[in-house]
Protein backbone atom coordinates (compact mmCIF):
# COMPACT_ATOMS: atom_id res chain seq x y z
CA MET A 1 -8.09 -11.64 -48.95
CA LYS A 2 -6.63 -14.86 -47.54
CA LEU A 3 -6.21 -14.91 -43.82
CA LEU A 4 -4.61 -17.74 -41.65
CA ILE A 5 -5.27 -18.03 -37.89
CA PHE A 6 -2.16 -19.79 -36.50
CA GLY A 7 -3.51 -21.06 -33.24
CA SER A 8 -7.07 -22.05 -32.56
CA GLY A 9 -7.66 -21.19 -28.87
CA VAL A 10 -10.02 -18.55 -27.62
CA ILE A 11 -8.30 -15.57 -29.29
CA GLY A 12 -7.64 -17.33 -32.60
CA SER A 13 -11.20 -18.74 -32.78
CA PHE A 14 -12.67 -15.35 -31.86
CA TYR A 15 -10.92 -13.38 -34.63
CA ALA A 16 -11.60 -16.22 -37.03
CA LEU A 17 -15.24 -15.87 -36.26
CA TYR A 18 -15.32 -12.11 -36.87
CA PHE A 19 -13.35 -12.37 -40.11
CA LEU A 20 -15.59 -15.16 -41.27
CA LYS A 21 -18.65 -13.11 -40.57
CA ALA A 22 -17.18 -10.19 -42.50
CA GLY A 23 -16.73 -12.38 -45.59
CA TYR A 24 -12.99 -12.98 -45.53
CA GLN A 25 -11.43 -16.26 -46.71
CA VAL A 26 -10.20 -17.76 -43.37
CA THR A 27 -8.13 -20.83 -42.66
CA MET A 28 -7.43 -21.97 -39.15
CA TYR A 29 -4.25 -23.91 -38.11
CA ALA A 30 -5.03 -26.27 -35.28
CA ARG A 31 -3.58 -29.39 -33.66
CA ASN A 32 -4.79 -32.48 -31.74
CA ASN A 33 -8.31 -32.35 -30.26
CA ARG A 34 -9.05 -28.82 -31.44
CA PHE A 35 -8.21 -29.71 -35.03
CA HIS A 36 -10.72 -32.67 -34.94
CA GLN A 37 -13.37 -30.41 -33.32
CA LEU A 38 -13.15 -27.77 -36.06
CA LEU A 39 -12.83 -30.45 -38.81
CA SER A 40 -15.97 -32.37 -37.64
CA ASN A 41 -18.17 -29.53 -36.26
CA GLY A 42 -17.09 -26.29 -37.77
CA LEU A 43 -16.45 -23.20 -35.60
CA VAL A 44 -19.09 -23.48 -32.92
CA TYR A 45 -19.83 -20.38 -30.83
CA GLN A 46 -22.40 -18.85 -28.51
CA GLU A 47 -24.14 -15.74 -29.63
CA ARG A 48 -26.27 -14.33 -26.84
CA LYS A 49 -28.19 -17.44 -25.71
CA THR A 50 -28.03 -19.37 -29.02
CA ILE A 51 -25.39 -21.89 -30.19
CA LYS A 52 -24.32 -21.31 -33.76
CA LYS A 53 -21.64 -22.53 -36.05
CA LEU A 54 -19.79 -21.48 -39.17
CA ASN A 55 -17.89 -23.71 -41.64
CA VAL A 56 -14.23 -23.02 -41.69
CA ASN A 57 -11.23 -24.42 -43.49
CA VAL A 58 -8.94 -26.13 -40.96
CA ILE A 59 -5.38 -27.52 -41.43
CA ASP A 60 -2.86 -29.17 -39.22
CA THR A 61 0.06 -28.71 -41.58
CA LEU A 62 1.40 -25.55 -43.14
CA ARG A 63 3.58 -25.86 -46.19
CA ASP A 64 6.18 -23.23 -47.21
CA ASN A 65 4.31 -22.36 -50.42
CA ASP A 66 0.91 -21.80 -48.60
CA ILE A 67 0.75 -18.11 -48.97
CA TYR A 68 -1.63 -15.81 -47.06
CA ASP A 69 -2.09 -12.08 -47.01
CA PHE A 70 -1.85 -12.10 -43.24
CA ILE A 71 -1.08 -14.81 -40.74
CA PHE A 72 -2.47 -14.03 -37.32
CA VAL A 73 -0.35 -15.75 -34.70
CA THR A 74 -2.52 -16.33 -31.62
CA VAL A 75 -0.48 -18.60 -29.38
CA LYS A 76 0.61 -18.32 -25.76
CA SER A 77 3.64 -16.47 -24.67
CA ASP A 78 5.76 -19.58 -24.06
CA GLN A 79 4.76 -20.99 -27.56
CA ILE A 80 5.73 -18.03 -29.72
CA TYR A 81 9.39 -18.95 -30.39
CA ASP A 82 8.27 -22.43 -31.58
CA ALA A 83 5.45 -20.90 -33.70
CA LEU A 84 7.96 -18.50 -35.29
CA ARG A 85 10.26 -21.33 -36.16
CA GLN A 86 7.44 -23.17 -37.80
CA LEU A 87 6.53 -20.08 -39.85
CA LYS A 88 10.17 -19.21 -40.65
CA ASN A 89 10.18 -20.68 -44.17
CA ASN A 90 6.59 -20.04 -45.07
CA ARG A 91 6.43 -17.42 -47.93
CA SER A 92 3.67 -15.32 -46.44
CA LYS A 93 5.09 -11.77 -45.86
CA THR A 94 3.24 -10.60 -42.73
CA LEU A 95 2.85 -12.25 -39.34
CA VAL A 96 0.36 -10.39 -37.05
CA THR A 97 1.59 -11.57 -33.61
CA MET A 98 -1.24 -11.25 -31.05
CA VAL A 99 0.88 -12.38 -28.08
CA ASN A 100 1.88 -11.15 -24.60
CA THR A 101 5.58 -10.45 -24.52
CA VAL A 102 8.35 -8.62 -22.69
CA ASP A 103 10.91 -9.41 -25.35
CA THR A 104 11.88 -6.99 -28.02
CA TYR A 105 10.34 -7.77 -31.43
CA GLN A 106 13.84 -7.85 -33.00
CA THR A 107 14.51 -11.11 -31.20
CA TRP A 108 11.51 -12.49 -33.12
CA GLU A 109 12.66 -11.07 -36.41
CA ASN A 110 15.98 -12.80 -35.85
CA ILE A 111 13.96 -16.06 -36.28
CA CYS A 112 11.45 -15.27 -39.04
CA GLY A 113 12.97 -12.44 -41.00
CA TYR A 114 13.20 -8.67 -41.03
CA ASN A 115 9.94 -6.75 -41.27
CA ARG A 116 7.74 -9.80 -41.28
CA ILE A 117 6.40 -9.09 -37.74
CA LEU A 118 3.44 -6.66 -37.34
CA PRO A 119 2.86 -6.77 -33.58
CA ALA A 120 -0.64 -6.56 -32.25
CA PHE A 121 -2.60 -7.37 -29.10
CA PRO A 122 -6.14 -8.71 -28.94
CA GLY A 123 -9.15 -6.84 -27.53
CA ALA A 124 -11.20 -9.88 -26.69
CA GLY A 125 -11.49 -12.69 -24.09
CA GLY A 126 -13.56 -15.67 -23.16
CA SER A 127 -13.38 -19.44 -23.10
CA ILE A 128 -13.86 -22.61 -25.15
CA ASP A 129 -15.56 -25.47 -23.27
CA GLU A 130 -14.87 -29.23 -23.49
CA GLU A 131 -17.32 -29.54 -26.32
CA GLY A 132 -15.46 -26.88 -28.36
CA ILE A 133 -18.06 -24.19 -27.95
CA LEU A 134 -16.55 -20.67 -28.12
CA ARG A 135 -17.90 -18.24 -25.59
CA ALA A 136 -16.02 -14.95 -26.21
CA TYR A 137 -16.57 -11.35 -26.42
CA LEU A 138 -15.00 -8.07 -27.48
CA THR A 139 -13.33 -6.22 -24.58
CA PRO A 140 -15.19 -2.92 -23.91
CA SER A 141 -13.49 -0.26 -26.08
CA TYR A 142 -13.01 2.09 -23.17
CA ILE A 143 -10.86 -0.55 -21.43
CA GLN A 144 -8.94 -2.06 -24.37
CA LYS A 145 -9.29 -2.28 -28.16
CA THR A 146 -7.35 -4.46 -30.55
CA THR A 147 -3.96 -2.70 -30.71
CA PHE A 148 -1.29 -2.82 -33.32
CA GLY A 149 1.56 -0.89 -34.98
CA GLU A 150 4.45 -1.12 -37.31
CA LEU A 151 8.02 -1.77 -36.06
CA HIS A 152 10.08 0.16 -38.61
CA SER A 153 7.77 2.82 -39.90
CA LYS A 154 4.63 4.83 -38.69
CA LYS A 155 2.68 4.08 -41.86
CA SER A 156 2.55 1.33 -44.44
CA GLN A 157 0.22 -0.13 -47.04
CA ARG A 158 -0.27 -3.37 -44.97
CA LEU A 159 -1.09 -1.22 -41.91
CA ASN A 160 -3.89 0.39 -43.87
CA ILE A 161 -5.11 -3.05 -45.14
CA LEU A 162 -5.09 -4.40 -41.60
CA LYS A 163 -7.09 -1.34 -40.36
CA ASP A 164 -9.67 -2.12 -43.20
CA ILE A 165 -9.90 -5.70 -42.17
CA PHE A 166 -10.68 -4.83 -38.45
CA LYS A 167 -13.08 -2.05 -39.61
CA THR A 168 -14.95 -4.34 -41.93
CA SER A 169 -15.07 -7.01 -39.22
CA ARG A 170 -16.46 -4.48 -36.83
CA ILE A 171 -13.57 -4.89 -34.35
CA PRO A 172 -12.53 -1.65 -32.64
CA TYR A 173 -8.83 -0.94 -32.92
CA ASP A 174 -6.07 1.42 -31.91
CA ILE A 175 -2.70 2.06 -33.66
CA VAL A 176 0.32 2.91 -31.51
CA ASP A 177 3.79 3.91 -32.38
CA ASN A 178 5.65 1.73 -29.94
CA MET A 179 4.12 -1.71 -29.44
CA HIS A 180 7.03 -2.94 -27.34
CA LEU A 181 6.42 -0.20 -24.80
CA TRP A 182 2.64 -0.77 -25.04
CA GLN A 183 3.20 -4.43 -24.17
CA ILE A 184 5.40 -3.57 -21.15
CA CYS A 185 2.75 -1.18 -19.84
CA HIS A 186 0.04 -3.62 -20.49
CA LEU A 187 1.85 -6.40 -18.49
CA ALA A 188 2.74 -3.89 -15.68
CA LEU A 189 -1.04 -3.48 -15.43
CA VAL A 190 -2.51 -7.03 -15.90
CA VAL A 191 -0.04 -8.96 -13.87
CA PRO A 192 -1.01 -7.32 -10.54
CA LEU A 193 -4.73 -7.60 -11.45
CA ALA A 194 -4.24 -11.36 -12.12
CA ASN A 195 -2.44 -11.82 -8.84
CA VAL A 196 -5.42 -10.67 -6.90
CA TYR A 197 -7.28 -13.80 -8.04
CA TYR A 198 -4.31 -15.98 -7.19
CA ALA A 199 -4.08 -14.48 -3.63
CA VAL A 200 -7.56 -15.68 -2.40
CA GLU A 201 -8.86 -19.19 -1.99
CA LYS A 202 -12.24 -18.44 -3.65
CA SER A 203 -11.67 -16.08 -6.56
CA LYS A 204 -15.20 -14.89 -6.64
CA TYR A 205 -14.41 -13.05 -3.44
CA ALA A 206 -11.27 -11.36 -4.84
CA GLY A 207 -12.70 -7.86 -5.00
CA TYR A 208 -13.81 -7.78 -1.37
CA ASN A 209 -10.40 -8.19 0.25
CA TYR A 210 -9.11 -4.61 1.00
CA SER A 211 -5.64 -5.86 1.95
CA ILE A 212 -5.15 -7.73 -1.33
CA LEU A 213 -6.48 -4.85 -3.34
CA SER A 214 -4.10 -2.50 -1.45
CA ASN A 215 -1.19 -4.68 -2.42
CA ALA A 216 -2.28 -4.75 -6.02
CA VAL A 217 -2.33 -1.01 -6.19
CA ASP A 218 1.15 -0.85 -4.68
CA GLU A 219 2.31 -3.32 -7.21
CA LEU A 220 0.65 -1.40 -10.05
CA LYS A 221 2.27 1.92 -8.99
CA TYR A 222 5.57 0.27 -8.59
CA ASN A 223 5.53 -1.49 -12.01
CA LEU A 224 4.49 1.66 -13.85
CA SER A 225 7.09 3.77 -12.05
CA GLN A 226 9.75 1.30 -13.20
CA VAL A 227 8.46 1.39 -16.83
CA GLN A 228 8.48 5.26 -16.65
CA SER A 229 12.17 5.26 -15.43
CA ILE A 230 13.29 2.86 -18.28
CA TYR A 231 11.38 4.38 -21.15
CA ASN A 232 10.54 7.96 -19.98
CA ARG A 233 6.92 7.52 -20.96
CA LEU A 234 3.85 5.32 -20.56
CA ILE A 235 1.29 4.35 -23.22
CA PRO A 236 -1.61 4.58 -23.38
CA LYS A 237 -1.79 7.89 -21.48
CA LYS A 238 -4.50 6.53 -19.15
CA MET A 239 -1.67 4.54 -17.34
CA TYR A 240 -0.68 7.91 -15.76
CA TYR A 241 -3.92 7.97 -13.88
CA ILE A 242 -2.96 4.75 -12.15
CA LEU A 243 0.53 6.14 -11.41
CA TYR A 244 -0.58 9.44 -9.89
CA LEU A 245 -4.18 9.09 -8.62
CA PRO A 246 -4.59 8.49 -4.79
CA LYS A 247 -4.28 4.88 -3.75
CA THR A 248 -7.64 4.82 -1.99
CA PHE A 249 -9.43 6.00 -5.13
CA ILE A 250 -7.83 3.17 -7.26
CA ILE A 251 -8.75 0.60 -4.61
CA PHE A 252 -12.36 1.75 -4.90
CA VAL A 253 -12.19 1.48 -8.77
CA LEU A 254 -10.72 -2.01 -8.44
CA PHE A 255 -13.47 -3.04 -6.04
CA ILE A 256 -16.05 -2.02 -8.72
CA LEU A 257 -14.06 -3.64 -11.46
CA TYR A 258 -13.73 -7.06 -9.82
CA ASN A 259 -17.44 -7.13 -8.90
CA SER A 260 -18.56 -6.08 -12.42
CA SER A 261 -19.73 -8.25 -15.42
CA PHE A 262 -16.36 -7.32 -17.02
CA GLY A 263 -14.57 -8.88 -14.02
CA SER A 264 -16.52 -12.15 -14.19
CA ARG A 265 -16.66 -12.35 -18.02
CA PHE A 266 -13.14 -11.37 -18.88
CA MET A 267 -10.72 -10.92 -16.01
CA TYR A 268 -11.53 -13.98 -13.98
CA PRO A 269 -11.60 -16.65 -16.69
CA HIS A 270 -8.46 -15.31 -18.42
CA SER A 271 -6.49 -15.02 -15.17
CA ILE A 272 -7.45 -18.53 -13.96
CA LYS A 273 -6.81 -20.17 -17.36
CA ALA A 274 -3.49 -18.28 -17.95
CA ARG A 275 -2.03 -18.61 -14.49
CA LYS A 276 1.22 -20.30 -15.68
CA GLU A 277 1.62 -17.82 -18.50
CA MET A 278 1.05 -14.87 -16.04
CA LYS A 279 3.79 -16.11 -13.68
CA TYR A 280 6.21 -16.58 -16.60
CA LEU A 281 5.43 -13.01 -17.79
CA GLU A 282 5.65 -11.71 -14.24
CA ASN A 283 9.15 -13.18 -13.86
CA ARG A 284 10.30 -11.70 -17.28
CA LEU A 285 8.90 -8.34 -16.28
CA HIS A 286 10.77 -8.30 -12.94
CA TYR A 287 13.92 -9.47 -14.79
CA LEU A 288 13.60 -6.31 -16.97
CA PHE A 289 13.25 -4.14 -13.88
CA ASN A 290 16.17 -5.75 -12.09
CA LYS A 291 18.38 -5.43 -15.13
CA ASN A 292 17.57 -1.74 -15.36
CA ARG A 293 18.33 -1.21 -11.68
CA SER A 294 21.64 -2.99 -12.00
CA SER A 295 22.71 -0.90 -14.98
CA ILE A 296 21.88 2.29 -12.94
CA ASP A 297 23.82 1.12 -9.89
CA ASN A 298 26.83 0.29 -12.08
């Protein structure tokens, strides 16, 4: 099984690590400093308190005839269209896109071809330091697993193969029937959570500001109510808890969340590092809501 990781940041490096440990043939596509780090040192990572490394094949050029069973596209939201244009003429059949998006996947297929996209979303987070050391972890399964699903059918052979890859790699996963809606719900959730960090001068105190947490809950409920009005459902079902539970209870839950190891290990580093991307996605999400309101008014 030949796997290509197209994008060598935290997410790409994390999945490459797990796939390598599971015995898969992994190649990483990287550019600039990250390419040279991987080429010279291998994939360096922290496991508990020990720094380890694995040898990995790394490339900075992908030819059209370089064929892989799966290409995992692990770039930022504002890089996805450029990545798909680069992959357009490559003959590999399946692109597993692990990217935040508000756009429909059909817009991506218009670039790279019908039925090449198998949308997914990572269940991991962390950081890579200046020395190229990966410090990343699986997201707790009760919060978010690696999530994926087909666009044009509920079942397929490649879906079963991908399930086996994650299972063999010991990566918890979920399969959903509508990845576009899942993505919209996900962004409706994570954008307000990230905004809490951006609203305070010292982010480590984010979870102690009642007013900011209160505003975040208002934003969460507003976002999910908008999604509900557009799509007539929310996924996963736990989103309904946020929509209907009392505001004071959700504030209490957020207080615990921001002051937990999950908050410091996952939420804080991702929010701070992805601030520009989050603002871009927030604007795209609000554009979707405004477009829906305009269509109702007309």
